[in-house]
N, C-alpha and C. Protein backbone atom coordinates (compact mmCIF):
# COMPACT_ATOMS: atom_id res chain seq x y z
N UNK A 1 61.73 85.93 72.22
CA UNK A 1 61.71 85.36 70.72
C UNK A 1 63.33 85.50 70.11
N UNK A 2 63.75 84.60 69.20
CA UNK A 2 64.64 84.42 68.74
C UNK A 2 64.56 84.59 66.99
N UNK A 3 65.43 85.17 66.52
CA UNK A 3 65.55 85.16 64.63
C UNK A 3 66.69 84.77 64.44
N UNK A 4 66.91 83.73 63.82
CA UNK A 4 68.15 83.33 63.15
C UNK A 4 67.81 83.39 61.58
N UNK A 5 69.02 84.25 61.25
CA UNK A 5 69.20 84.35 59.71
C UNK A 5 70.57 83.86 59.24
N UNK A 6 70.95 82.65 58.54
CA UNK A 6 71.92 81.95 58.46
C UNK A 6 72.34 81.70 57.01
N UNK A 7 73.39 82.08 56.70
CA UNK A 7 73.98 81.84 55.39
C UNK A 7 73.57 83.04 54.68
N UNK A 8 73.24 83.97 54.93
CA UNK A 8 73.04 85.47 54.22
C UNK A 8 74.51 85.97 53.32
N UNK A 9 74.21 85.57 52.06
CA UNK A 9 75.20 85.50 50.99
C UNK A 9 75.25 86.83 50.30
N UNK A 10 76.37 87.67 50.19
CA UNK A 10 76.54 88.99 49.56
C UNK A 10 77.59 89.07 49.05
N UNK A 11 77.38 89.98 47.95
CA UNK A 11 78.78 90.50 47.06
C UNK A 11 79.07 91.91 47.43
N UNK A 12 80.22 92.05 48.42
CA UNK A 12 80.25 93.27 48.46
C UNK A 12 81.81 93.80 48.49
N UNK A 13 82.34 95.14 48.27
CA UNK A 13 83.70 95.35 48.55
C UNK A 13 84.03 95.51 50.30
N UNK A 14 84.92 94.66 50.71
CA UNK A 14 85.19 94.56 52.35
C UNK A 14 86.65 93.94 51.81
N UNK A 15 87.45 94.81 52.69
CA UNK A 15 89.03 94.60 52.85
C UNK A 15 89.99 95.49 52.58
N UNK A 16 91.20 95.38 52.94
CA UNK A 16 92.25 96.41 52.85
C UNK A 16 93.00 95.83 51.58
N UNK A 17 93.27 94.97 50.83
CA UNK A 17 93.97 94.33 49.84
C UNK A 17 93.79 95.18 48.74
N UNK A 18 94.51 95.50 47.83
CA UNK A 18 93.92 96.16 46.46
C UNK A 18 92.97 95.48 45.80
N UNK A 19 93.24 94.22 45.45
CA UNK A 19 91.93 93.16 45.20
C UNK A 19 90.71 93.04 45.52
N UNK A 20 90.79 93.90 46.79
CA UNK A 20 89.34 93.53 47.74
C UNK A 20 88.85 94.90 47.43
N UNK A 21 89.23 95.78 47.08
CA UNK A 21 89.06 97.16 46.98
C UNK A 21 88.24 97.42 45.50
N UNK A 22 88.77 96.64 44.61
CA UNK A 22 88.51 96.72 43.14
C UNK A 22 87.32 96.11 42.61
N UNK A 23 87.25 94.90 43.39
CA UNK A 23 85.79 94.11 43.00
C UNK A 23 85.30 93.41 44.00
N UNK A 24 83.71 93.43 44.28
CA UNK A 24 83.20 92.60 45.22
C UNK A 24 83.49 90.97 45.76
N UNK A 25 83.73 90.59 46.82
CA UNK A 25 83.87 89.41 47.06
C UNK A 25 82.76 88.93 47.99
N UNK A 26 82.56 87.72 47.93
CA UNK A 26 81.30 86.97 48.75
C UNK A 26 81.60 87.10 50.16
N UNK A 27 80.72 87.38 50.80
CA UNK A 27 80.95 87.35 52.29
C UNK A 27 79.53 86.55 52.82
N UNK A 28 79.70 86.09 53.97
CA UNK A 28 78.47 85.10 54.47
C UNK A 28 77.99 85.88 55.87
N UNK A 29 76.93 85.86 56.14
CA UNK A 29 76.42 86.57 57.16
C UNK A 29 75.52 85.78 58.01
N UNK A 30 75.72 85.41 59.54
CA UNK A 30 74.93 84.93 60.27
C UNK A 30 74.67 85.64 61.38
N UNK A 31 73.31 85.81 61.62
CA UNK A 31 73.05 86.86 62.89
C UNK A 31 71.90 85.97 63.58
N UNK A 32 72.02 86.34 65.27
CA UNK A 32 71.01 85.55 66.15
C UNK A 32 70.43 86.80 66.70
N UNK A 33 69.22 87.07 66.41
CA UNK A 33 68.47 88.22 67.27
C UNK A 33 67.24 87.69 68.18
N UNK A 34 67.87 88.19 69.72
CA UNK A 34 66.69 87.77 70.64
C UNK A 34 66.23 89.09 70.95
N UNK A 35 64.70 89.10 71.07
CA UNK A 35 64.03 90.41 71.23
C UNK A 35 62.71 89.98 72.25
N UNK A 36 62.39 91.00 72.80
CA UNK A 36 60.99 90.98 73.50
C UNK A 36 59.97 91.10 72.47
N UNK A 37 59.00 90.17 72.22
CA UNK A 37 57.74 90.27 71.54
C UNK A 37 56.60 90.33 72.45
N UNK A 38 56.06 91.89 72.46
CA UNK A 38 54.96 92.20 73.22
C UNK A 38 54.16 92.94 72.18
N UNK A 39 52.74 93.07 72.34
CA UNK A 39 51.72 94.19 71.75
C UNK A 39 51.96 94.01 70.39
N UNK A 40 52.32 92.82 69.82
CA UNK A 40 52.39 92.33 68.68
C UNK A 40 53.48 93.33 68.07
N UNK A 41 54.68 93.78 68.63
CA UNK A 41 55.57 94.27 68.33
C UNK A 41 56.93 93.67 67.74
N UNK A 42 56.86 93.11 66.32
CA UNK A 42 57.83 92.02 65.97
C UNK A 42 58.77 92.75 65.26
N UNK A 43 59.99 91.98 65.00
CA UNK A 43 60.79 92.10 63.96
C UNK A 43 61.01 91.63 62.71
N UNK A 44 60.70 92.13 61.72
CA UNK A 44 60.50 91.00 60.45
C UNK A 44 62.09 91.12 59.93
N UNK A 45 61.96 89.55 59.85
CA UNK A 45 63.45 89.14 59.37
C UNK A 45 63.96 89.49 58.04
N UNK A 46 62.89 89.69 57.16
CA UNK A 46 63.59 90.13 55.88
C UNK A 46 63.73 91.70 55.76
N UNK A 47 63.29 92.43 56.50
CA UNK A 47 63.73 93.43 56.62
C UNK A 47 65.13 93.60 57.54
N UNK A 48 65.49 92.79 58.45
CA UNK A 48 66.60 92.93 58.96
C UNK A 48 67.88 92.19 58.02
N UNK A 49 67.63 91.46 57.39
CA UNK A 49 68.57 91.06 56.08
C UNK A 49 68.76 92.07 55.13
N UNK A 50 67.67 92.46 54.72
CA UNK A 50 67.74 93.73 53.91
C UNK A 50 68.74 94.87 54.23
N UNK A 51 68.49 95.28 55.88
CA UNK A 51 69.44 96.42 56.31
C UNK A 51 70.82 95.74 56.27
N UNK A 52 70.92 94.71 56.82
CA UNK A 52 72.26 93.98 56.41
C UNK A 52 72.98 94.19 55.37
N UNK A 53 72.37 93.78 54.40
CA UNK A 53 72.83 94.02 53.04
C UNK A 53 73.17 95.33 52.45
N UNK A 54 72.15 96.39 53.03
CA UNK A 54 72.22 97.78 52.69
C UNK A 54 73.82 98.30 53.39
N UNK A 55 73.92 97.99 54.70
CA UNK A 55 75.06 98.55 55.53
C UNK A 55 76.41 97.99 54.66
N UNK A 56 76.40 96.78 54.40
CA UNK A 56 77.46 96.33 53.77
C UNK A 56 77.92 96.80 52.45
N UNK A 57 77.12 97.03 51.81
CA UNK A 57 76.73 97.13 50.31
C UNK A 57 77.37 98.56 50.30
N UNK A 58 76.84 99.79 51.13
CA UNK A 58 77.16 100.92 51.03
C UNK A 58 78.07 101.68 51.83
N UNK A 59 78.76 100.76 52.89
CA UNK A 59 79.84 101.08 53.70
C UNK A 59 81.15 100.62 53.05
N UNK A 60 81.18 99.88 52.46
CA UNK A 60 82.56 99.29 51.53
C UNK A 60 83.66 99.31 52.78
N UNK A 61 83.48 98.50 53.97
CA UNK A 61 84.39 98.53 54.94
C UNK A 61 85.48 98.31 54.55
N UNK A 62 86.75 98.18 55.28
CA UNK A 62 88.10 97.92 55.15
C UNK A 62 88.04 96.60 55.95
N UNK A 63 87.70 96.73 57.31
CA UNK A 63 88.03 95.61 58.20
C UNK A 63 86.65 95.25 58.50
N UNK A 64 87.05 93.67 58.83
CA UNK A 64 85.62 93.09 59.19
C UNK A 64 85.13 93.81 60.66
N UNK A 65 86.14 94.30 61.42
CA UNK A 65 85.62 94.40 62.81
C UNK A 65 84.72 95.89 62.47
N UNK A 66 85.27 96.71 61.56
CA UNK A 66 84.18 97.70 61.53
C UNK A 66 83.03 97.25 60.61
N UNK A 67 82.96 96.35 59.88
CA UNK A 67 81.73 96.00 59.19
C UNK A 67 81.06 95.33 60.44
N UNK A 68 81.31 94.53 61.36
CA UNK A 68 80.40 94.00 62.51
C UNK A 68 79.82 95.13 63.36
N UNK A 69 80.70 96.35 63.69
CA UNK A 69 80.24 97.10 64.40
C UNK A 69 79.10 98.15 63.98
N UNK A 70 79.43 98.40 62.67
CA UNK A 70 78.29 98.87 62.02
C UNK A 70 77.24 98.40 61.58
N UNK A 71 77.24 96.89 61.30
CA UNK A 71 75.69 96.41 61.33
C UNK A 71 75.04 96.42 62.64
N UNK A 72 75.90 96.28 63.67
CA UNK A 72 75.27 96.15 65.16
C UNK A 72 74.73 97.39 65.41
N UNK A 73 75.36 98.82 64.94
CA UNK A 73 74.82 100.16 65.07
C UNK A 73 73.28 100.29 64.64
N UNK A 74 73.65 99.70 63.14
CA UNK A 74 72.31 100.05 62.33
C UNK A 74 71.33 99.19 62.94
N UNK A 75 71.51 97.87 63.27
CA UNK A 75 70.37 97.08 63.59
C UNK A 75 69.69 97.53 65.22
N UNK A 76 70.73 97.97 66.18
CA UNK A 76 70.34 98.43 67.08
C UNK A 76 69.44 99.74 67.18
N UNK A 77 70.05 100.69 66.26
CA UNK A 77 69.19 102.09 66.19
C UNK A 77 67.82 101.65 65.37
N UNK A 78 67.58 100.80 64.66
CA UNK A 78 66.28 100.36 63.69
C UNK A 78 65.43 99.67 64.53
N UNK A 79 66.08 98.80 65.81
CA UNK A 79 65.36 98.05 66.37
C UNK A 79 65.47 97.95 67.86
N UNK A 80 64.88 98.62 68.72
CA UNK A 80 65.37 99.31 69.92
C UNK A 80 64.62 98.08 70.90
N UNK A 81 63.90 97.10 70.45
CA UNK A 81 63.38 95.89 70.99
C UNK A 81 64.53 94.64 71.29
N UNK A 82 65.71 94.97 70.14
CA UNK A 82 66.64 93.84 70.37
C UNK A 82 67.40 93.97 71.90
N UNK A 83 67.38 92.56 72.42
CA UNK A 83 67.65 92.42 73.65
C UNK A 83 69.45 91.72 73.36
N UNK A 84 69.70 90.87 72.65
CA UNK A 84 70.90 90.24 72.43
C UNK A 84 71.28 90.35 70.66
N UNK A 85 72.49 90.39 70.56
CA UNK A 85 72.84 90.22 68.90
C UNK A 85 74.02 89.17 68.94
N UNK A 86 73.96 88.53 67.78
CA UNK A 86 75.12 87.60 67.75
C UNK A 86 75.22 87.51 66.23
N UNK A 87 76.43 88.20 66.01
CA UNK A 87 76.58 88.50 64.59
C UNK A 87 78.31 87.97 64.16
N UNK A 88 77.95 87.34 62.81
CA UNK A 88 79.27 86.78 62.45
C UNK A 88 79.50 86.70 60.79
N UNK A 89 80.44 87.22 60.39
CA UNK A 89 80.49 87.83 59.10
C UNK A 89 82.03 86.66 58.34
N UNK A 90 81.72 85.98 57.27
CA UNK A 90 82.54 84.95 56.92
C UNK A 90 83.18 85.52 55.32
N UNK A 91 84.38 85.47 55.33
CA UNK A 91 84.80 85.49 53.64
C UNK A 91 85.42 84.37 53.74
N UNK A 92 84.56 83.44 52.62
CA UNK A 92 84.97 82.19 52.38
C UNK A 92 86.12 81.91 51.24
N UNK A 93 86.14 83.16 50.74
CA UNK A 93 87.11 82.89 49.50
C UNK A 93 88.40 83.64 49.35
N UNK A 94 88.67 84.26 50.63
CA UNK A 94 90.01 84.82 50.63
C UNK A 94 91.24 84.46 50.80
N UNK A 95 91.18 82.87 51.30
CA UNK A 95 92.39 82.34 51.51
C UNK A 95 91.65 81.11 50.82
N UNK A 96 93.11 80.20 50.01
CA UNK A 96 92.72 78.95 49.06
C UNK A 96 92.20 77.74 49.97
N UNK A 97 92.76 77.82 51.34
CA UNK A 97 92.37 76.52 52.12
C UNK A 97 91.84 76.71 53.42
N UNK A 98 90.83 78.18 53.38
CA UNK A 98 90.17 77.84 54.57
C UNK A 98 89.30 79.34 54.57
N UNK A 99 88.04 79.17 55.31
CA UNK A 99 87.05 80.42 55.41
C UNK A 99 87.81 81.26 56.59
N UNK A 100 87.58 82.44 56.62
CA UNK A 100 88.09 83.44 57.52
C UNK A 100 86.75 84.13 58.03
N UNK A 101 86.49 84.27 59.50
CA UNK A 101 85.51 84.95 59.73
C UNK A 101 85.74 85.88 61.19
N UNK A 102 84.71 86.69 61.52
CA UNK A 102 85.01 87.78 62.58
C UNK A 102 83.47 87.61 63.32
N UNK A 103 83.19 87.36 64.63
CA UNK A 103 81.99 87.22 65.24
C UNK A 103 82.10 88.35 66.35
N UNK A 104 80.93 88.33 66.83
CA UNK A 104 80.81 89.30 68.11
C UNK A 104 79.19 88.89 68.82
N UNK A 105 79.17 89.19 69.92
CA UNK A 105 78.03 89.36 70.75
C UNK A 105 77.50 90.30 71.52
N UNK A 106 76.54 90.91 71.57
CA UNK A 106 76.21 91.79 72.29
C UNK A 106 74.92 92.06 72.97
N UNK A 107 74.44 92.50 74.23
CA UNK A 107 73.46 92.58 74.89
C UNK A 107 73.03 94.26 75.19
N UNK A 108 71.94 94.41 74.80
CA UNK A 108 71.85 95.59 74.96
C UNK A 108 70.56 96.05 75.93
């Protein structure tokens, strides 16, 4: 089974710059999860979205790299039946003329 969560939009403290530490900014999270569905062991996509939100809001990461790893670790710990995880975090408002993002793929 595959879960796709696209355009999960959150306002969080993330970044190194002074103004990024002072006020929340918009980030957009896209995630794809492949998992083994058996014996009615399913992953609730609403719970996944909520866990991503909690991780990013509570941790106030300075680097997108650390944010990706934090979300990956949280989801992997909570959902051991995840087989692959694709995660992308975008900061659409950080530069005037483009959106900046970071992504990674994992196999468990």
